[in-house]
Amino acid sequence: MRLEGSCQCGKIRFRVESETPVPFMYCYCSICRKTTGGAFGCNVMGKRDTLRVTGAKHLRVYHAVIRNPRKRPVRSEGERWFCGECGTHLYVLDER
């Protein structure tokens, strides 16, 4: 199934193909809660090679900081992409 989305201001649009029966998941980790400003993050699951983005010049990326007690903070490998104009969280890319 094809999934389509955009940022709030409309400067970025994306589409991706998904093969999962439910093409999204709710995540309650502290990183998703803090980067979305809500009680959870809603993540779309799609095939990376089918991701198409328009308005890419407005895209910005953030690597969250992972904090564990008694360990040094480390940067997440996951790329959290968002609109640099309106701040809308768009998607996460992670090779793992």
C-alpha atoms as a PDB file:
ATOM      1  CA  MET A   1       0.000   0.000   0.000  1.00  0.00           C
ATOM      2  CA  ARG A   2       1.172   3.513  -0.738  1.00  0.00           C
ATOM      3  CA  LEU A   3       1.420   5.905   2.201  1.00  0.00           C
ATOM      4  CA  GLU A   4       1.576   9.644   1.676  1.00  0.00           C
ATOM      5  CA  GLY A   5       2.279  12.465   4.076  1.00  0.00           C
ATOM      6  CA  SER A   6       3.464  16.022   4.458  1.00  0.00           C
ATOM      7  CA  CYS A   7       4.611  18.545   6.986  1.00  0.00           C
ATOM      8  CA  GLN A   8       2.130  21.018   8.470  1.00  0.00           C
ATOM      9  CA  CYS A   9       3.205  23.930   6.257  1.00  0.00           C
ATOM     10  CA  GLY A  10       3.141  21.766   3.089  1.00  0.00           C
ATOM     11  CA  LYS A  11       6.687  22.504   1.934  1.00  0.00           C
ATOM     12  CA  ILE A  12       7.681  18.824   2.241  1.00  0.00           C
ATOM     13  CA  ARG A  13       5.713  15.873   0.929  1.00  0.00           C
ATOM     14  CA  PHE A  14       6.624  12.211   0.946  1.00  0.00           C
ATOM     15  CA  ARG A  15       5.328   8.858  -0.198  1.00  0.00           C
ATOM     16  CA  VAL A  16       6.476   5.336   0.563  1.00  0.00           C
ATOM     17  CA  GLU A  17       5.287   1.796  -0.089  1.00  0.00           C
ATOM     18  CA  SER A  18       4.530  -0.435   2.893  1.00  0.00           C
ATOM     19  CA  GLU A  19       4.035  -4.193   3.031  1.00  0.00           C
ATOM     20  CA  THR A  20       2.937  -4.394   6.663  1.00  0.00           C
ATOM     21  CA  PRO A  21      -0.728  -5.071   7.521  1.00  0.00           C
ATOM     22  CA  VAL A  22      -0.682  -2.110   9.923  1.00  0.00           C
ATOM     23  CA  PRO A  23       1.739   0.439   8.406  1.00  0.00           C
ATOM     24  CA  PHE A  24       2.452   2.361  11.594  1.00  0.00           C
ATOM     25  CA  MET A  25       3.449   1.785  15.188  1.00  0.00           C
ATOM     26  CA  TYR A  26       3.179   3.832  18.329  1.00  0.00           C
ATOM     27  CA  CYS A  27       6.424   4.271  20.264  1.00  0.00           C
ATOM     28  CA  TYR A  28       6.491   5.369  23.884  1.00  0.00           C
ATOM     29  CA  CYS A  29      10.262   5.657  24.335  1.00  0.00           C
ATOM     30  CA  SER A  30      11.567   8.887  25.850  1.00  0.00           C
ATOM     31  CA  ILE A  31      13.169   9.950  22.561  1.00  0.00           C
ATOM     32  CA  CYS A  32       9.927   9.663  20.566  1.00  0.00           C
ATOM     33  CA  ARG A  33       7.941  11.393  23.306  1.00  0.00           C
ATOM     34  CA  LYS A  34      10.391  14.289  23.570  1.00  0.00           C
ATOM     35  CA  THR A  35      10.948  14.840  19.837  1.00  0.00           C
ATOM     36  CA  THR A  36       7.222  14.825  19.035  1.00  0.00           C
ATOM     37  CA  GLY A  37       6.061  16.714  22.122  1.00  0.00           C
ATOM     38  CA  GLY A  38       3.388  14.122  22.846  1.00  0.00           C
ATOM     39  CA  ALA A  39       2.665  10.996  24.862  1.00  0.00           C
ATOM     40  CA  PHE A  40       4.036   8.832  22.031  1.00  0.00           C
ATOM     41  CA  GLY A  41       5.492   8.942  18.539  1.00  0.00           C
ATOM     42  CA  CYS A  42       3.673   7.453  15.563  1.00  0.00           C
ATOM     43  CA  ASN A  43       6.150   5.857  13.177  1.00  0.00           C
ATOM     44  CA  VAL A  44       5.329   4.849   9.610  1.00  0.00           C
ATOM     45  CA  MET A  45       6.827   1.568   8.441  1.00  0.00           C
ATOM     46  CA  GLY A  46       7.751   1.471   4.783  1.00  0.00           C
ATOM     47  CA  LYS A  47      10.277   0.161   2.301  1.00  0.00           C
ATOM     48  CA  ARG A  48      13.169   2.608   2.324  1.00  0.00           C
ATOM     49  CA  ASP A  49      14.012   2.204  -1.373  1.00  0.00           C
ATOM     50  CA  THR A  50      10.489   3.418  -2.267  1.00  0.00           C
ATOM     51  CA  LEU A  51      10.680   6.629  -0.213  1.00  0.00           C
ATOM     52  CA  ARG A  52      10.174   9.707  -2.405  1.00  0.00           C
ATOM     53  CA  VAL A  53      10.425  13.234  -1.004  1.00  0.00           C
ATOM     54  CA  THR A  54       9.597  16.596  -2.566  1.00  0.00           C
ATOM     55  CA  GLY A  55      10.746  19.829  -0.961  1.00  0.00           C
ATOM     56  CA  ALA A  56      13.940  18.189   0.291  1.00  0.00           C
ATOM     57  CA  LYS A  57      15.692  21.561   0.593  1.00  0.00           C
ATOM     58  CA  HIS A  58      13.545  22.162   3.690  1.00  0.00           C
ATOM     59  CA  LEU A  59      14.532  18.866   5.356  1.00  0.00           C
ATOM     60  CA  ARG A  60      16.657  18.882   8.500  1.00  0.00           C
ATOM     61  CA  VAL A  61      18.019  15.904  10.431  1.00  0.00           C
ATOM     62  CA  TYR A  62      18.488  15.259  14.134  1.00  0.00           C
ATOM     63  CA  HIS A  63      20.352  12.421  15.853  1.00  0.00           C
ATOM     64  CA  ALA A  64      18.825  11.967  19.299  1.00  0.00           C
ATOM     65  CA  VAL A  65      21.021  11.522  22.356  1.00  0.00           C
ATOM     66  CA  ILE A  66      20.649   8.183  24.125  1.00  0.00           C
ATOM     67  CA  ARG A  67      21.139   8.480  27.869  1.00  0.00           C
ATOM     68  CA  ASN A  68      21.688   5.454  30.113  1.00  0.00           C
ATOM     69  CA  PRO A  69      22.386   5.689  33.844  1.00  0.00           C
ATOM     70  CA  ARG A  70      26.109   5.410  34.663  1.00  0.00           C
ATOM     71  CA  LYS A  71      27.102   5.519  30.964  1.00  0.00           C
ATOM     72  CA  ARG A  72      28.206   8.326  28.672  1.00  0.00           C
ATOM     73  CA  PRO A  73      25.462   9.708  26.412  1.00  0.00           C
ATOM     74  CA  VAL A  74      25.778   8.587  22.777  1.00  0.00           C
ATOM     75  CA  ARG A  75      24.207   9.824  19.562  1.00  0.00           C
ATOM     76  CA  SER A  76      21.573   7.571  18.045  1.00  0.00           C
ATOM     77  CA  GLU A  77      22.277   6.074  14.630  1.00  0.00           C
ATOM     78  CA  GLY A  78      18.666   6.800  13.695  1.00  0.00           C
ATOM     79  CA  GLU A  79      18.099   9.894  11.575  1.00  0.00           C
ATOM     80  CA  ARG A  80      15.013  11.854  12.624  1.00  0.00           C
ATOM     81  CA  TRP A  81      13.992  13.999   9.676  1.00  0.00           C
ATOM     82  CA  PHE A  82      11.826  17.070  10.144  1.00  0.00           C
ATOM     83  CA  CYS A  83      10.751  20.228   8.340  1.00  0.00           C
ATOM     84  CA  GLY A  84      13.133  23.120   8.976  1.00  0.00           C
ATOM     85  CA  GLU A  85      10.310  25.605   8.352  1.00  0.00           C
ATOM     86  CA  CYS A  86       7.452  24.375  10.575  1.00  0.00           C
ATOM     87  CA  GLY A  87       9.239  21.745  12.704  1.00  0.00           C
ATOM     88  CA  THR A  88       6.963  18.834  11.781  1.00  0.00           C
ATOM     89  CA  HIS A  89       8.538  15.456  12.552  1.00  0.00           C
ATOM     90  CA  LEU A  90       8.329  13.475   9.292  1.00  0.00           C
ATOM     91  CA  TYR A  91      10.120  10.145   9.518  1.00  0.00           C
ATOM     92  CA  VAL A  92      12.986   8.201  11.050  1.00  0.00           C
ATOM     93  CA  LEU A  93      15.592   6.341   8.992  1.00  0.00           C
ATOM     94  CA  ASP A  94      17.656   3.693  10.726  1.00  0.00           C
ATOM     95  CA  GLU A  95      19.808   1.060   9.017  1.00  0.00           C
ATOM     96  CA  ARG A  96      19.497  -1.270  11.982  1.00  0.00           C
END
